Amino acid sequence: MKLVCLSKSLREMRKILTLLLIIFSIFFSFWLFYKNPGSSNKPLLKDPKKLKESKILNGYNLQAVKLAKVIDGDTIELTDGRKVRMLGIDAPETEHSPRAKNRGTADCFAKESTDYLKKLLHSKKLYLRLDPSKNIHDKYGRVLAYIFVKDGAQFRNVNLEMIKNGYAYEYTYHHEKYLYQTEFKKAQELAKQAKRGLWADSACVK
């Protein structure tokens, strides 16, 4: 009789221990989850700068690229061989452009425009943003895009910088609208009023 009672007691103890182990496992799992949510993203969450940059890249559909060379004030070449024509701007033509070759000379302020674009892009992280309302390529096969640079914690629109500082004109193709048209037109008016860059009275005086 004593053996039967002892056996029952052991079985009850085992049930209780099993139940306690299950409860402990559940609480331990919850503790791990709330202590380390999204463990796969842990390195990103630990760095607020990377998290902010990631949100900007996703929100603006920016594509990281590497610069090979600046061709002129509105065109660059990437390390993968693609050429990029900057949307919404038109810079003075260098002596290498087809239009300038026909005339036999570069446009006024072409060198200054090209040099300024080189300065804006030098040692910066480059990103492209396409315009959903435009074709990806022009008739020459160049990528049509806005160029952004990572400057410290900020992303700067290089196309806008070129207009704002008087190194390129705002350019609307066939009266078509584009993403930054309002900002670009306003920047050009301010540059003209301030006589910056190519708008200066002495810019093209020989």
Protein backbone atom coordinates (compact mmCIF):
# COMPACT_ATOMS: atom_id res chain seq x y z
CA MET A 1 0.00 0.00 0.00
CA LYS A 2 2.84 2.36 0.86
CA LEU A 3 4.54 1.60 -2.46
CA VAL A 4 1.35 2.45 -4.38
CA CYS A 5 1.03 5.79 -2.55
CA LEU A 6 4.70 6.56 -3.17
CA SER A 7 4.30 5.78 -6.86
CA LYS A 8 1.31 8.10 -7.11
CA SER A 9 3.21 10.86 -5.35
CA LEU A 10 6.13 10.54 -7.75
CA ARG A 11 3.81 10.73 -10.73
CA GLU A 12 2.17 13.85 -9.32
CA MET A 13 5.55 15.43 -8.72
CA ARG A 14 6.63 14.67 -12.27
CA LYS A 15 3.45 16.30 -13.62
CA ILE A 16 4.03 19.38 -11.48
CA LEU A 17 7.70 19.61 -12.53
CA THR A 18 6.73 19.20 -16.20
CA LEU A 19 4.12 21.95 -15.88
CA LEU A 20 6.61 24.26 -14.15
CA LEU A 21 9.18 23.58 -16.88
CA ILE A 22 6.65 24.47 -19.59
CA ILE A 23 5.68 27.69 -17.82
CA PHE A 24 9.35 28.60 -17.34
CA SER A 25 10.06 27.96 -21.03
CA ILE A 26 7.19 30.21 -22.11
CA PHE A 27 8.31 33.07 -19.86
CA PHE A 28 11.92 32.65 -20.94
CA SER A 29 10.92 32.82 -24.62
CA PHE A 30 8.95 36.03 -24.05
CA TRP A 31 11.89 37.51 -22.17
CA LEU A 32 14.26 36.75 -25.05
CA PHE A 33 11.85 38.21 -27.60
CA TYR A 34 11.38 41.52 -25.82
CA LYS A 35 15.06 41.78 -24.91
CA ASN A 36 16.25 41.25 -28.52
CA PRO A 37 13.41 42.03 -30.95
CA GLY A 38 14.25 41.40 -34.59
CA SER A 39 17.66 39.89 -33.89
CA SER A 40 18.48 39.85 -37.60
CA ASN A 41 18.23 43.66 -37.64
CA LYS A 42 20.18 44.18 -34.44
CA PRO A 43 23.28 45.79 -36.02
CA LEU A 44 21.09 48.27 -37.94
CA LEU A 45 18.97 49.15 -34.90
CA LYS A 46 22.07 49.79 -32.83
CA ASP A 47 23.26 52.50 -35.25
CA PRO A 48 20.71 55.35 -35.55
CA LYS A 49 22.66 56.91 -38.44
CA LYS A 50 22.45 53.73 -40.52
CA LEU A 51 18.77 53.33 -39.68
CA LYS A 52 18.05 56.93 -40.76
CA GLU A 53 20.04 56.50 -43.98
CA SER A 54 18.23 53.24 -44.74
CA LYS A 55 14.83 54.94 -44.37
CA ILE A 56 15.88 57.78 -46.67
CA LEU A 57 17.24 55.39 -49.31
CA ASN A 58 14.03 53.34 -49.27
CA GLY A 59 11.75 56.38 -49.14
CA TYR A 60 13.36 58.15 -52.07
CA ASN A 61 14.35 55.05 -54.07
CA LEU A 62 17.97 56.13 -54.11
CA GLN A 63 20.48 53.83 -55.81
CA ALA A 64 24.09 53.92 -54.65
CA VAL A 65 26.57 54.34 -57.53
CA LYS A 66 30.27 55.08 -58.02
CA LEU A 67 31.63 57.95 -60.05
CA ALA A 68 34.19 57.33 -62.79
CA LYS A 69 34.41 60.88 -64.17
CA VAL A 70 32.57 64.13 -64.74
CA ILE A 71 31.99 64.74 -68.45
CA ASP A 72 30.51 68.24 -68.20
CA GLY A 73 28.23 70.29 -65.98
CA ASP A 74 25.20 68.03 -66.42
CA THR A 75 26.64 64.63 -67.39
CA ILE A 76 28.74 62.06 -65.53
CA GLU A 77 30.05 58.57 -66.17
CA LEU A 78 29.82 55.75 -63.61
CA THR A 79 32.35 53.00 -62.92
CA ASP A 80 30.01 50.45 -64.54
CA GLY A 81 30.21 52.40 -67.82
CA ARG A 82 26.78 54.02 -67.69
CA LYS A 83 26.47 57.71 -68.47
CA VAL A 84 24.04 59.81 -66.45
CA ARG A 85 22.31 62.93 -67.76
CA MET A 86 21.09 65.07 -64.87
CA LEU A 87 17.37 65.79 -65.03
CA GLY A 88 15.92 69.28 -64.84
CA ILE A 89 19.14 71.14 -65.64
CA ASP A 90 21.13 72.23 -68.66
CA ALA A 91 24.76 73.24 -68.24
CA PRO A 92 26.92 75.16 -70.75
CA GLU A 93 28.35 72.85 -73.43
CA THR A 94 32.04 71.92 -73.35
CA GLU A 95 34.15 71.74 -76.51
CA HIS A 96 33.60 67.95 -76.56
CA SER A 97 29.80 68.14 -76.98
CA PRO A 98 28.28 67.69 -80.46
CA ARG A 99 26.66 71.14 -80.43
CA ALA A 100 29.90 72.86 -79.41
CA LYS A 101 31.89 70.94 -82.03
CA ASN A 102 29.62 72.28 -84.75
CA ARG A 103 30.40 75.80 -83.60
CA GLY A 104 34.05 75.04 -83.00
CA THR A 105 34.04 76.43 -79.48
CA ALA A 106 32.71 75.69 -76.00
CA ASP A 107 29.88 77.65 -74.40
CA CYS A 108 30.67 80.47 -72.06
CA PHE A 109 31.08 79.22 -68.47
CA ALA A 110 31.37 75.54 -69.55
CA LYS A 111 34.66 74.96 -67.75
CA GLU A 112 33.45 76.65 -64.56
CA SER A 113 30.27 74.55 -64.62
CA THR A 114 32.19 71.30 -65.12
CA ASP A 115 34.70 72.16 -62.42
CA TYR A 116 31.95 73.01 -59.95
CA LEU A 117 30.20 69.67 -60.53
CA LYS A 118 33.53 67.92 -59.91
CA LYS A 119 33.82 69.82 -56.64
CA LEU A 120 30.30 68.84 -55.55
CA LEU A 121 30.91 65.15 -56.27
CA HIS A 122 34.50 64.84 -55.08
CA SER A 123 34.98 62.23 -52.32
CA LYS A 124 31.23 61.95 -51.75
CA LYS A 125 28.90 58.95 -51.69
CA LEU A 126 26.74 59.18 -54.81
CA TYR A 127 23.12 58.12 -55.26
CA LEU A 128 20.75 58.29 -58.23
CA ARG A 129 17.04 58.95 -58.11
CA LEU A 130 14.94 58.23 -61.19
CA ASP A 131 11.84 60.23 -62.04
CA PRO A 132 8.74 58.00 -62.37
CA SER A 133 7.25 60.42 -64.90
CA LYS A 134 10.26 60.15 -67.24
CA ASN A 135 11.92 57.52 -69.37
CA ILE A 136 14.89 55.83 -67.73
CA HIS A 137 17.14 56.60 -70.73
CA ASP A 138 17.35 59.40 -73.26
CA LYS A 139 17.85 58.91 -77.00
CA TYR A 140 21.62 58.65 -76.47
CA GLY A 141 21.22 55.78 -73.97
CA ARG A 142 22.15 57.91 -70.96
CA VAL A 143 20.39 57.32 -67.63
CA LEU A 144 18.12 60.26 -66.75
CA ALA A 145 18.34 60.93 -63.04
CA TYR A 146 18.77 63.28 -60.12
CA ILE A 147 22.11 62.95 -58.36
CA PHE A 148 22.28 63.04 -54.58
CA VAL A 149 25.40 63.09 -52.44
CA LYS A 150 25.80 61.97 -48.85
CA ASP A 151 27.31 64.95 -47.09
CA GLY A 152 27.69 64.16 -43.40
CA ALA A 153 24.20 63.30 -42.16
CA GLN A 154 22.50 65.07 -45.09
CA PHE A 155 21.51 64.05 -48.61
CA ARG A 156 21.96 66.94 -51.05
CA ASN A 157 20.32 67.25 -54.45
CA VAL A 158 23.26 68.04 -56.75
CA ASN A 159 21.01 69.05 -59.67
CA LEU A 160 19.47 71.71 -57.42
CA GLU A 161 22.88 72.85 -56.17
CA MET A 162 24.05 73.44 -59.75
CA ILE A 163 21.09 75.74 -60.47
CA LYS A 164 21.07 77.44 -57.08
CA ASN A 165 24.70 78.49 -57.36
CA GLY A 166 24.49 79.61 -60.98
CA TYR A 167 26.36 76.79 -62.71
CA ALA A 168 23.44 75.42 -64.75
CA TYR A 169 20.08 76.51 -66.11
CA GLU A 170 16.74 75.02 -65.14
CA TYR A 171 15.61 72.86 -68.04
CA THR A 172 12.04 71.77 -68.78
CA TYR A 173 11.82 69.34 -71.70
CA HIS A 174 8.86 70.06 -74.02
CA HIS A 175 6.90 71.76 -71.19
CA GLU A 176 6.74 68.46 -69.31
CA LYS A 177 6.55 68.43 -65.52
CA TYR A 178 9.15 66.68 -63.38
CA LEU A 179 9.69 65.98 -59.67
CA TYR A 180 11.64 69.06 -58.60
CA GLN A 181 10.41 71.52 -61.20
CA THR A 182 9.03 74.06 -58.72
CA GLU A 183 12.19 74.03 -56.60
CA PHE A 184 14.48 74.27 -59.61
CA LYS A 185 12.60 77.22 -61.17
CA LYS A 186 12.58 79.06 -57.86
CA ALA A 187 16.31 78.39 -57.38
CA GLN A 188 17.05 79.81 -60.84
CA GLU A 189 15.12 83.00 -60.14
CA LEU A 190 17.04 83.52 -56.90
CA ALA A 191 20.38 82.83 -58.65
CA LYS A 192 19.53 85.37 -61.37
CA GLN A 193 18.52 88.00 -58.82
CA ALA A 194 21.73 87.43 -56.86
CA LYS A 195 23.77 87.30 -60.10
CA ARG A 196 25.50 84.10 -59.11
CA GLY A 197 27.79 82.13 -61.41
CA LEU A 198 26.82 82.37 -65.06
CA TRP A 199 24.27 85.09 -64.21
CA ALA A 200 26.99 87.48 -63.07
CA ASP A 201 27.55 90.56 -65.23
CA SER A 202 31.21 89.64 -65.68
CA ALA A 203 30.70 85.89 -66.22
CA CYS A 204 31.22 85.89 -69.96
CA VAL A 205 33.04 89.15 -70.53
CA LYS A 206 36.11 88.63 -72.72
